[in-house]
Amino acid sequence: PAQVEALARQVDALWGGTDILINNAGVGAGGN
């Protein structure tokens, strides 16, 4: 969570906020 907070602070510092957030990071798995 601290790294995600740092991500938000970074975009705030760059452009003053976020219009679009895409939560895309993920992994695949299979198993009983």
PDB file of all heavy atoms in Angstrom:
ATOM      1  N   PRO A   1       0.801  -1.227   0.000  1.00  0.00           N
ATOM      2  CA  PRO A   1       0.000   0.000   0.000  1.00  0.00           C
ATOM      3  C   PRO A   1       0.831   1.273   0.000  1.00  0.00           C
ATOM      4  O   PRO A   1       0.431   2.280  -0.593  1.00  0.00           O
ATOM      5  CB  PRO A   1      -0.863  -0.125   1.264  1.00  0.00           C
ATOM      6  CG  PRO A   1      -0.244  -1.200   2.079  1.00  0.00           C
ATOM      7  CD  PRO A   1       0.462  -2.113   1.132  1.00  0.00           C
ATOM      8  N   ALA A   2       1.986   1.252   0.649  1.00  0.00           N
ATOM      9  CA  ALA A   2       2.832   2.444   0.669  1.00  0.00           C
ATOM     10  C   ALA A   2       3.326   2.783  -0.730  1.00  0.00           C
ATOM     11  O   ALA A   2       3.469   3.963  -1.083  1.00  0.00           O
ATOM     12  CB  ALA A   2       4.008   2.247   1.619  1.00  0.00           C
ATOM     13  N   GLN A   3       3.596   1.781  -1.546  1.00  0.00           N
ATOM     14  CA  GLN A   3       4.055   2.033  -2.908  1.00  0.00           C
ATOM     15  C   GLN A   3       2.908   2.550  -3.785  1.00  0.00           C
ATOM     16  O   GLN A   3       3.133   3.375  -4.673  1.00  0.00           O
ATOM     17  CB  GLN A   3       4.669   0.769  -3.507  1.00  0.00           C
ATOM     18  CG  GLN A   3       5.974   0.363  -2.842  1.00  0.00           C
ATOM     19  CD  GLN A   3       6.731  -0.699  -3.629  1.00  0.00           C
ATOM     20  OE1 GLN A   3       6.650  -0.760  -4.864  1.00  0.00           O
ATOM     21  NE2 GLN A   3       7.469  -1.535  -2.928  1.00  0.00           N
ATOM     22  N   VAL A   4       1.692   2.085  -3.545  1.00  0.00           N
ATOM     23  CA  VAL A   4       0.556   2.609  -4.293  1.00  0.00           C
ATOM     24  C   VAL A   4       0.283   4.056  -3.889  1.00  0.00           C
ATOM     25  O   VAL A   4      -0.036   4.902  -4.729  1.00  0.00           O
ATOM     26  CB  VAL A   4      -0.688   1.725  -4.084  1.00  0.00           C
ATOM     27  CG1 VAL A   4      -1.881   2.281  -4.856  1.00  0.00           C
ATOM     28  CG2 VAL A   4      -0.404   0.292  -4.525  1.00  0.00           C
ATOM     29  N   GLU A   5       0.451   4.356  -2.616  1.00  0.00           N
ATOM     30  CA  GLU A   5       0.318   5.743  -2.163  1.00  0.00           C
ATOM     31  C   GLU A   5       1.391   6.615  -2.814  1.00  0.00           C
ATOM     32  O   GLU A   5       1.104   7.751  -3.240  1.00  0.00           O
ATOM     33  CB  GLU A   5       0.439   5.807  -0.642  1.00  0.00           C
ATOM     34  CG  GLU A   5       0.400   7.210  -0.058  1.00  0.00           C
ATOM     35  CD  GLU A   5      -0.912   7.928  -0.283  1.00  0.00           C
ATOM     36  OE1 GLU A   5      -1.969   7.273  -0.266  1.00  0.00           O
ATOM     37  OE2 GLU A   5      -0.881   9.165  -0.496  1.00  0.00           O
ATOM     38  N   ALA A   6       2.606   6.097  -2.930  1.00  0.00           N
ATOM     39  CA  ALA A   6       3.679   6.849  -3.591  1.00  0.00           C
ATOM     40  C   ALA A   6       3.359   7.073  -5.066  1.00  0.00           C
ATOM     41  O   ALA A   6       3.685   8.125  -5.631  1.00  0.00           O
ATOM     42  CB  ALA A   6       5.008   6.105  -3.445  1.00  0.00           C
ATOM     43  N   LEU A   7       2.701   6.101  -5.681  1.00  0.00           N
ATOM     44  CA  LEU A   7       2.265   6.239  -7.072  1.00  0.00           C
ATOM     45  C   LEU A   7       1.286   7.400  -7.210  1.00  0.00           C
ATOM     46  O   LEU A   7       1.404   8.233  -8.120  1.00  0.00           O
ATOM     47  CB  LEU A   7       1.618   4.929  -7.522  1.00  0.00           C
ATOM     48  CG  LEU A   7       0.904   4.895  -8.877  1.00  0.00           C
ATOM     49  CD1 LEU A   7       1.871   5.164 -10.013  1.00  0.00           C
ATOM     50  CD2 LEU A   7       0.218   3.528  -9.067  1.00  0.00           C
ATOM     51  N   ALA A   8       0.329   7.470  -6.299  1.00  0.00           N
ATOM     52  CA  ALA A   8      -0.653   8.561  -6.341  1.00  0.00           C
ATOM     53  C   ALA A   8       0.016   9.908  -6.095  1.00  0.00           C
ATOM     54  O   ALA A   8      -0.325  10.911  -6.755  1.00  0.00           O
ATOM     55  CB  ALA A   8      -1.750   8.309  -5.307  1.00  0.00           C
ATOM     56  N   ARG A   9       0.945   9.955  -5.159  1.00  0.00           N
ATOM     57  CA  ARG A   9       1.645  11.216  -4.899  1.00  0.00           C
ATOM     58  C   ARG A   9       2.454  11.646  -6.115  1.00  0.00           C
ATOM     59  O   ARG A   9       2.563  12.847  -6.409  1.00  0.00           O
ATOM     60  CB  ARG A   9       2.559  11.080  -3.683  1.00  0.00           C
ATOM     61  CG  ARG A   9       1.815  10.978  -2.354  1.00  0.00           C
ATOM     62  CD  ARG A   9       2.747  11.293  -1.183  1.00  0.00           C
ATOM     63  NE  ARG A   9       3.914  10.430  -1.177  1.00  0.00           N
ATOM     64  CZ  ARG A   9       3.982   9.272  -0.520  1.00  0.00           C
ATOM     65  NH1 ARG A   9       2.941   8.842   0.182  1.00  0.00           N
ATOM     66  NH2 ARG A   9       5.074   8.545  -0.557  1.00  0.00           N
ATOM     67  N   GLN A  10       3.001  10.672  -6.831  1.00  0.00           N
ATOM     68  CA  GLN A  10       3.787  10.994  -8.018  1.00  0.00           C
ATOM     69  C   GLN A  10       2.924  11.641  -9.102  1.00  0.00           C
ATOM     70  O   GLN A  10       3.301  12.658  -9.688  1.00  0.00           O
ATOM     71  CB  GLN A  10       4.443   9.729  -8.571  1.00  0.00           C
ATOM     72  CG  GLN A  10       5.228   9.903  -9.863  1.00  0.00           C
ATOM     73  CD  GLN A  10       6.572  10.569  -9.655  1.00  0.00           C
ATOM     74  OE1 GLN A  10       6.901  11.012  -8.547  1.00  0.00           O
ATOM     75  NE2 GLN A  10       7.356  10.660 -10.710  1.00  0.00           N
ATOM     76  N   VAL A  11       1.753  11.073  -9.359  1.00  0.00           N
ATOM     77  CA  VAL A  11       0.892  11.660 -10.399  1.00  0.00           C
ATOM     78  C   VAL A  11       0.342  13.007  -9.939  1.00  0.00           C
ATOM     79  O   VAL A  11       0.164  13.933 -10.751  1.00  0.00           O
ATOM     80  CB  VAL A  11      -0.226  10.670 -10.810  1.00  0.00           C
ATOM     81  CG1 VAL A  11      -1.284  10.520  -9.741  1.00  0.00           C
ATOM     82  CG2 VAL A  11      -0.865  11.084 -12.134  1.00  0.00           C
ATOM     83  N   ASP A  12       0.104  13.160  -8.637  1.00  0.00           N
ATOM     84  CA  ASP A  12      -0.311  14.464  -8.119  1.00  0.00           C
ATOM     85  C   ASP A  12       0.770  15.510  -8.369  1.00  0.00           C
ATOM     86  O   ASP A  12       0.479  16.650  -8.777  1.00  0.00           O
ATOM     87  CB  ASP A  12      -0.597  14.378  -6.620  1.00  0.00           C
ATOM     88  CG  ASP A  12      -1.880  13.642  -6.302  1.00  0.00           C
ATOM     89  OD1 ASP A  12      -2.693  13.426  -7.232  1.00  0.00           O
ATOM     90  OD2 ASP A  12      -2.075  13.260  -5.127  1.00  0.00           O
ATOM     91  N   ALA A  13       2.015  15.116  -8.121  1.00  0.00           N
ATOM     92  CA  ALA A  13       3.121  16.058  -8.306  1.00  0.00           C
ATOM     93  C   ALA A  13       3.346  16.379  -9.779  1.00  0.00           C
ATOM     94  O   ALA A  13       3.670  17.529 -10.139  1.00  0.00           O
ATOM     95  CB  ALA A  13       4.406  15.475  -7.705  1.00  0.00           C
ATOM     96  N   LEU A  14       3.153  15.394 -10.640  1.00  0.00           N
ATOM     97  CA  LEU A  14       3.382  15.610 -12.070  1.00  0.00           C
ATOM     98  C   LEU A  14       2.287  16.455 -12.709  1.00  0.00           C
ATOM     99  O   LEU A  14       2.578  17.420 -13.429  1.00  0.00           O
ATOM    100  CB  LEU A  14       3.442  14.251 -12.783  1.00  0.00           C
ATOM    101  CG  LEU A  14       4.706  13.414 -12.619  1.00  0.00           C
ATOM    102  CD1 LEU A  14       4.478  12.006 -13.155  1.00  0.00           C
ATOM    103  CD2 LEU A  14       5.881  14.061 -13.338  1.00  0.00           C
ATOM    104  N   TRP A  15       1.020  16.075 -12.450  1.00  0.00           N
ATOM    105  CA  TRP A  15      -0.077  16.661 -13.226  1.00  0.00           C
ATOM    106  C   TRP A  15      -1.242  17.155 -12.374  1.00  0.00           C
ATOM    107  O   TRP A  15      -2.282  17.540 -12.911  1.00  0.00           O
ATOM    108  CB  TRP A  15      -0.575  15.637 -14.254  1.00  0.00           C
ATOM    109  CG  TRP A  15       0.524  15.144 -15.159  1.00  0.00           C
ATOM    110  CD1 TRP A  15       1.450  15.903 -15.801  1.00  0.00           C
ATOM    111  CD2 TRP A  15       0.819  13.786 -15.497  1.00  0.00           C
ATOM    112  NE1 TRP A  15       2.312  15.109 -16.528  1.00  0.00           N
ATOM    113  CE2 TRP A  15       1.952  13.798 -16.365  1.00  0.00           C
ATOM    114  CE3 TRP A  15       0.252  12.555 -15.169  1.00  0.00           C
ATOM    115  CZ2 TRP A  15       2.508  12.635 -16.884  1.00  0.00           C
ATOM    116  CZ3 TRP A  15       0.814  11.395 -15.683  1.00  0.00           C
ATOM    117  CH2 TRP A  15       1.914  11.442 -16.531  1.00  0.00           C
ATOM    118  N   GLY A  16      -1.091  17.111 -11.067  1.00  0.00           N
ATOM    119  CA  GLY A  16      -2.116  17.676 -10.205  1.00  0.00           C
ATOM    120  C   GLY A  16      -3.330  16.812  -9.965  1.00  0.00           C
ATOM    121  O   GLY A  16      -4.346  17.294  -9.455  1.00  0.00           O
ATOM    122  N   GLY A  17      -3.264  15.539 -10.308  1.00  0.00           N
ATOM    123  CA  GLY A  17      -4.390  14.650 -10.062  1.00  0.00           C
ATOM    124  C   GLY A  17      -4.491  13.544 -11.089  1.00  0.00           C
ATOM    125  O   GLY A  17      -3.662  13.436 -12.004  1.00  0.00           O
ATOM    126  N   THR A  18      -5.525  12.715 -10.938  1.00  0.00           N
ATOM    127  CA  THR A  18      -5.728  11.551 -11.805  1.00  0.00           C
ATOM    128  C   THR A  18      -7.144  11.560 -12.348  1.00  0.00           C
ATOM    129  O   THR A  18      -8.107  11.677 -11.589  1.00  0.00           O
ATOM    130  CB  THR A  18      -5.504  10.235 -11.025  1.00  0.00           C
ATOM    131  OG1 THR A  18      -4.201  10.245 -10.445  1.00  0.00           O
ATOM    132  CG2 THR A  18      -5.649   9.033 -11.940  1.00  0.00           C
ATOM    133  N   ASP A  19      -7.277  11.435 -13.655  1.00  0.00           N
ATOM    134  CA  ASP A  19      -8.589  11.326 -14.287  1.00  0.00           C
ATOM    135  C   ASP A  19      -8.977   9.877 -14.542  1.00  0.00           C
ATOM    136  O   ASP A  19     -10.146   9.514 -14.426  1.00  0.00           O
ATOM    137  CB  ASP A  19      -8.598  12.088 -15.617  1.00  0.00           C
ATOM    138  CG  ASP A  19      -8.315  13.564 -15.435  1.00  0.00           C
ATOM    139  OD1 ASP A  19      -9.043  14.214 -14.658  1.00  0.00           O
ATOM    140  OD2 ASP A  19      -7.347  14.068 -16.045  1.00  0.00           O
ATOM    141  N   ILE A  20      -8.002   9.056 -14.915  1.00  0.00           N
ATOM    142  CA  ILE A  20      -8.269   7.657 -15.263  1.00  0.00           C
ATOM    143  C   ILE A  20      -7.308   6.761 -14.482  1.00  0.00           C
ATOM    144  O   ILE A  20      -6.089   6.928 -14.559  1.00  0.00           O
ATOM    145  CB  ILE A  20      -8.090   7.400 -16.766  1.00  0.00           C
ATOM    146  CG1 ILE A  20      -9.017   8.300 -17.583  1.00  0.00           C
ATOM    147  CG2 ILE A  20      -8.353   5.930 -17.104  1.00  0.00           C
ATOM    148  CD1 ILE A  20      -8.727   8.262 -19.093  1.00  0.00           C
ATOM    149  N   LEU A  21      -7.862   5.811 -13.740  1.00  0.00           N
ATOM    150  CA  LEU A  21      -7.071   4.791 -13.053  1.00  0.00           C
ATOM    151  C   LEU A  21      -7.422   3.440 -13.652  1.00  0.00           C
ATOM    152  O   LEU A  21      -8.594   3.057 -13.688  1.00  0.00           O
ATOM    153  CB  LEU A  21      -7.373   4.787 -11.555  1.00  0.00           C
ATOM    154  CG  LEU A  21      -6.805   3.600 -10.761  1.00  0.00           C
ATOM    155  CD1 LEU A  21      -5.274   3.633 -10.743  1.00  0.00           C
ATOM    156  CD2 LEU A  21      -7.371   3.562  -9.351  1.00  0.00           C
ATOM    157  N   ILE A  22      -6.410   2.720 -14.111  1.00  0.00           N
ATOM    158  CA  ILE A  22      -6.625   1.359 -14.620  1.00  0.00           C
ATOM    159  C   ILE A  22      -5.869   0.402 -13.714  1.00  0.00           C
ATOM    160  O   ILE A  22      -4.629   0.339 -13.743  1.00  0.00           O
ATOM    161  CB  ILE A  22      -6.186   1.220 -16.083  1.00  0.00           C
ATOM    162  CG1 ILE A  22      -6.970   2.202 -16.960  1.00  0.00           C
ATOM    163  CG2 ILE A  22      -6.396  -0.214 -16.560  1.00  0.00           C
ATOM    164  CD1 ILE A  22      -6.618   2.153 -18.429  1.00  0.00           C
ATOM    165  N   ASN A  23      -6.619  -0.333 -12.889  1.00  0.00           N
ATOM    166  CA  ASN A  23      -6.040  -1.360 -12.020  1.00  0.00           C
ATOM    167  C   ASN A  23      -5.907  -2.641 -12.827  1.00  0.00           C
ATOM    168  O   ASN A  23      -6.832  -3.457 -12.894  1.00  0.00           O
ATOM    169  CB  ASN A  23      -6.941  -1.582 -10.794  1.00  0.00           C
ATOM    170  CG  ASN A  23      -6.861  -0.450  -9.801  1.00  0.00           C
ATOM    171  OD1 ASN A  23      -5.785  -0.036  -9.399  1.00  0.00           O
ATOM    172  ND2 ASN A  23      -8.019   0.067  -9.406  1.00  0.00           N
ATOM    173  N   ASN A  24      -4.759  -2.791 -13.457  1.00  0.00           N
ATOM    174  CA  ASN A  24      -4.556  -3.874 -14.413  1.00  0.00           C
ATOM    175  C   ASN A  24      -3.603  -4.963 -13.914  1.00  0.00           C
ATOM    176  O   ASN A  24      -3.698  -6.108 -14.358  1.00  0.00           O
ATOM    177  CB  ASN A  24      -4.028  -3.290 -15.728  1.00  0.00           C
ATOM    178  CG  ASN A  24      -3.466  -4.345 -16.649  1.00  0.00           C
ATOM    179  OD1 ASN A  24      -4.210  -5.101 -17.280  1.00  0.00           O
ATOM    180  ND2 ASN A  24      -2.135  -4.434 -16.721  1.00  0.00           N
ATOM    181  N   ALA A  25      -2.691  -4.645 -13.023  1.00  0.00           N
ATOM    182  CA  ALA A  25      -1.684  -5.615 -12.602  1.00  0.00           C
ATOM    183  C   ALA A  25      -2.342  -6.896 -12.097  1.00  0.00           C
ATOM    184  O   ALA A  25      -3.279  -6.855 -11.297  1.00  0.00           O
ATOM    185  CB  ALA A  25      -0.796  -5.013 -11.516  1.00  0.00           C
ATOM    186  N   GLY A  26      -1.866  -8.034 -12.579  1.00  0.00           N
ATOM    187  CA  GLY A  26      -2.462  -9.298 -12.155  1.00  0.00           C
ATOM    188  C   GLY A  26      -1.635 -10.480 -12.603  1.00  0.00           C
ATOM    189  O   GLY A  26      -0.708 -10.360 -13.412  1.00  0.00           O
ATOM    190  N   VAL A  27      -1.971 -11.655 -12.065  1.00  0.00           N
ATOM    191  CA  VAL A  27      -1.275 -12.896 -12.383  1.00  0.00           C
ATOM    192  C   VAL A  27      -2.308 -13.985 -12.637  1.00  0.00           C
ATOM    193  O   VAL A  27      -3.480 -13.861 -12.262  1.00  0.00           O
ATOM    194  CB  VAL A  27      -0.333 -13.324 -11.238  1.00  0.00           C
ATOM    195  CG1 VAL A  27       0.829 -12.355 -11.111  1.00  0.00           C
ATOM    196  CG2 VAL A  27      -1.091 -13.450  -9.912  1.00  0.00           C
ATOM    197  N   GLY A  28      -1.860 -15.077 -13.269  1.00  0.00           N
ATOM    198  CA  GLY A  28      -2.740 -16.200 -13.564  1.00  0.00           C
ATOM    199  C   GLY A  28      -2.401 -17.407 -12.713  1.00  0.00           C
ATOM    200  O   GLY A  28      -1.270 -17.558 -12.238  1.00  0.00           O
ATOM    201  N   ALA A  29      -3.409 -18.276 -12.534  1.00  0.00           N
ATOM    202  CA  ALA A  29      -3.199 -19.465 -11.704  1.00  0.00           C
ATOM    203  C   ALA A  29      -4.247 -20.513 -12.030  1.00  0.00           C
ATOM    204  O   ALA A  29      -5.348 -20.198 -12.476  1.00  0.00           O
ATOM    205  CB  ALA A  29      -3.277 -19.105 -10.225  1.00  0.00           C
ATOM    206  N   GLY A  30      -3.881 -21.778 -11.794  1.00  0.00           N
ATOM    207  CA  GLY A  30      -4.811 -22.878 -11.953  1.00  0.00           C
ATOM    208  C   GLY A  30      -4.486 -23.976 -10.964  1.00  0.00           C
ATOM    209  O   GLY A  30      -3.316 -24.226 -10.678  1.00  0.00           O
ATOM    210  N   GLY A  31      -5.519 -24.611 -10.429  1.00  0.00           N
ATOM    211  CA  GLY A  31      -5.262 -25.691  -9.484  1.00  0.00           C
ATOM    212  C   GLY A  31      -6.492 -26.060  -8.694  1.00  0.00           C
ATOM    213  O   GLY A  31      -7.367 -25.234  -8.450  1.00  0.00           O
ATOM    214  N   ASN A  32      -6.575 -27.326  -8.302  1.00  0.00           N
ATOM    215  CA  ASN A  32      -7.692 -27.804  -7.497  1.00  0.00           C
ATOM    216  C   ASN A  32      -7.546 -27.344  -6.050  1.00  0.00           C
ATOM    217  O   ASN A  32      -6.429 -27.242  -5.523  1.00  0.00           O
ATOM    218  CB  ASN A  32      -7.743 -29.334  -7.514  1.00  0.00           C
ATOM    219  CG  ASN A  32      -7.938 -29.891  -8.905  1.00  0.00           C
ATOM    220  OD1 ASN A  32      -7.026 -29.877  -9.715  1.00  0.00           O
ATOM    221  ND2 ASN A  32      -9.117 -30.404  -9.172  1.00  0.00           N
TER     222      ASN A  32
END
